[in-house]
C-alpha cells in the first residue's frame, strides 16, 4: 500500500514563499511519477506540478515560473518550492503518486495566502 505524508503548509503573506514536502512509502519510488495538485472548495482539482522518476517536470500554467518541483529518490521525497505566492494560490495541496497505473493521494495540506 502506497502511503504519502505531506508537510509544510500554512499561512503566508502575498509575495512570500513556502516549501511543501511529501514522503512516500510502499512503492518503488524511482519508478513512480509524483505530483502536486490543489483544490479550492467548489472547484475542480488543478494540476500544480508533476515530476517523473527520471526528473522530467510539468507545471500548471498558473504556477509556471513561480513554483519548482523536485524529488530525492534516495530519500523517497518530493518537494514543491512555492515563491511569490498570491491569494489565488490559496487551496488544499495534495501529493499524488502514480504507480502501476494506479493513483494514490496524501491527506492534503492547507496553504493560505493572505495579508
Protein backbone atom coordinates (compact mmCIF):
# COMPACT_ATOMS: atom_id res chain seq x y z
CA UNK A 1 0.00 0.00 0.00
CA UNK A 2 1.42 3.35 -1.07
CA UNK A 3 1.36 5.95 1.67
CA UNK A 4 2.03 9.66 1.23
CA UNK A 5 2.60 12.07 4.10
CA UNK A 6 2.64 15.79 3.36
CA UNK A 7 4.04 18.63 5.40
CA UNK A 8 4.87 22.31 5.08
CA UNK A 9 1.55 24.07 4.53
CA UNK A 10 0.48 27.14 6.43
CA UNK A 11 -0.29 30.84 6.29
CA UNK A 12 1.92 33.21 4.32
CA UNK A 13 1.65 36.81 3.16
CA UNK A 14 1.39 37.68 -0.54
CA UNK A 15 4.81 37.58 -2.14
CA UNK A 16 6.07 35.07 0.39
CA UNK A 17 7.35 31.53 -0.01
CA UNK A 18 6.52 28.08 1.30
CA UNK A 19 8.03 24.66 0.75
CA UNK A 20 5.84 21.55 0.74
CA UNK A 21 7.23 18.09 1.27
CA UNK A 22 5.76 14.65 0.60
CA UNK A 23 7.31 11.47 1.93
CA UNK A 24 6.36 8.25 0.16
CA UNK A 25 6.44 4.63 1.27
CA UNK A 26 5.20 1.33 -0.10
CA UNK A 27 6.30 1.93 -3.68
CA UNK A 28 9.34 1.63 -5.92
CA UNK A 29 9.87 5.35 -5.69
CA UNK A 30 12.25 5.75 -8.61
CA UNK A 31 9.59 4.24 -10.89
CA UNK A 32 6.79 6.38 -9.50
CA UNK A 33 5.65 9.61 -11.08
CA UNK A 34 4.93 12.17 -8.38
CA UNK A 35 2.95 15.35 -8.41
CA UNK A 36 1.17 18.11 -6.56
CA UNK A 37 -2.41 19.14 -7.18
CA UNK A 38 -4.56 21.73 -5.46
CA UNK A 39 -8.24 22.24 -4.88
CA UNK A 40 -10.46 25.03 -3.66
CA UNK A 41 -13.90 24.01 -2.31
CA UNK A 42 -16.41 24.03 -5.14
CA UNK A 43 -13.73 23.87 -7.84
CA UNK A 44 -12.12 21.01 -9.71
CA UNK A 45 -8.75 19.70 -8.68
CA UNK A 46 -6.00 21.58 -10.52
CA UNK A 47 -2.58 20.40 -11.66
CA UNK A 48 0.25 22.23 -9.92
CA UNK A 49 3.30 20.22 -10.99
CA UNK A 50 4.43 16.70 -11.77
CA UNK A 51 7.80 15.01 -11.98
CA UNK A 52 8.70 11.62 -13.43
CA UNK A 53 11.13 9.18 -11.88
CA UNK A 54 13.75 10.45 -14.30
CA UNK A 55 13.16 14.08 -13.36
CA UNK A 56 11.03 15.38 -16.22
CA UNK A 57 8.77 18.12 -14.92
CA UNK A 58 5.46 19.64 -15.95
CA UNK A 59 3.76 22.70 -14.46
CA UNK A 60 0.31 24.17 -14.48
CA UNK A 61 0.08 27.50 -16.29
CA UNK A 62 -0.91 29.33 -13.10
CA UNK A 63 2.32 28.46 -11.29
CA UNK A 64 4.86 28.35 -14.12
CA UNK A 65 7.91 30.38 -13.22
CA UNK A 66 6.99 30.64 -9.52
CA UNK A 67 6.88 27.04 -8.30
CA UNK A 68 9.55 24.35 -8.58
CA UNK A 69 9.03 20.62 -8.07
CA UNK A 70 11.93 18.35 -7.16
CA UNK A 71 12.49 14.84 -5.89
CA UNK A 72 15.07 12.85 -3.98
CA UNK A 73 14.79 9.21 -4.99
CA UNK A 74 17.14 8.05 -2.24
CA UNK A 75 15.02 9.71 0.47
CA UNK A 76 11.72 8.97 -1.32
CA UNK A 77 10.65 12.58 -1.01
CA UNK A 78 9.13 15.06 -3.44
CA UNK A 79 9.10 18.77 -2.68
CA UNK A 80 7.35 21.82 -4.02
CA UNK A 81 9.06 25.19 -3.60
CA UNK A 82 6.48 27.94 -3.94
CA UNK A 83 7.68 31.51 -4.43
CA UNK A 84 5.85 34.79 -4.92
CA UNK A 85 2.68 33.29 -3.52
CA UNK A 86 -0.55 35.11 -4.27
CA UNK A 87 -4.03 34.93 -2.68
CA UNK A 88 -5.25 32.89 -5.65
CA UNK A 89 -2.78 30.16 -4.65
CA UNK A 90 -4.84 29.52 -1.52
CA UNK A 91 -6.00 25.90 -1.64
CA UNK A 92 -5.56 22.43 -0.22
CA UNK A 93 -2.44 20.98 -1.81
CA UNK A 94 -2.30 17.21 -2.23
CA UNK A 95 0.59 14.95 -3.10
CA UNK A 96 -0.03 12.35 -5.81
CA UNK A 97 1.82 9.17 -6.71
CA UNK A 98 1.18 7.31 -9.94
CA UNK A 99 2.48 3.73 -9.91
CA UNK A 100 1.41 0.62 -11.85
CA UNK A 101 -1.44 2.60 -13.47
CA UNK A 102 -2.89 3.50 -10.09
CA UNK A 103 -3.16 6.87 -8.36
CA UNK A 104 -2.50 7.39 -4.68
CA UNK A 105 -3.13 10.56 -2.69
CA UNK A 106 -1.93 12.16 0.50
CA UNK A 107 -4.27 13.70 3.03
CA UNK A 108 -3.66 17.24 1.79
CA UNK A 109 -2.16 20.31 3.41
CA UNK A 110 -3.73 23.77 3.56
CA UNK A 111 -1.90 26.71 2.04
CA UNK A 112 -3.39 30.11 2.78
CA UNK A 113 -2.02 33.31 1.25
CA UNK A 114 -3.38 36.37 2.98
CA UNK A 115 -2.25 39.66 4.45
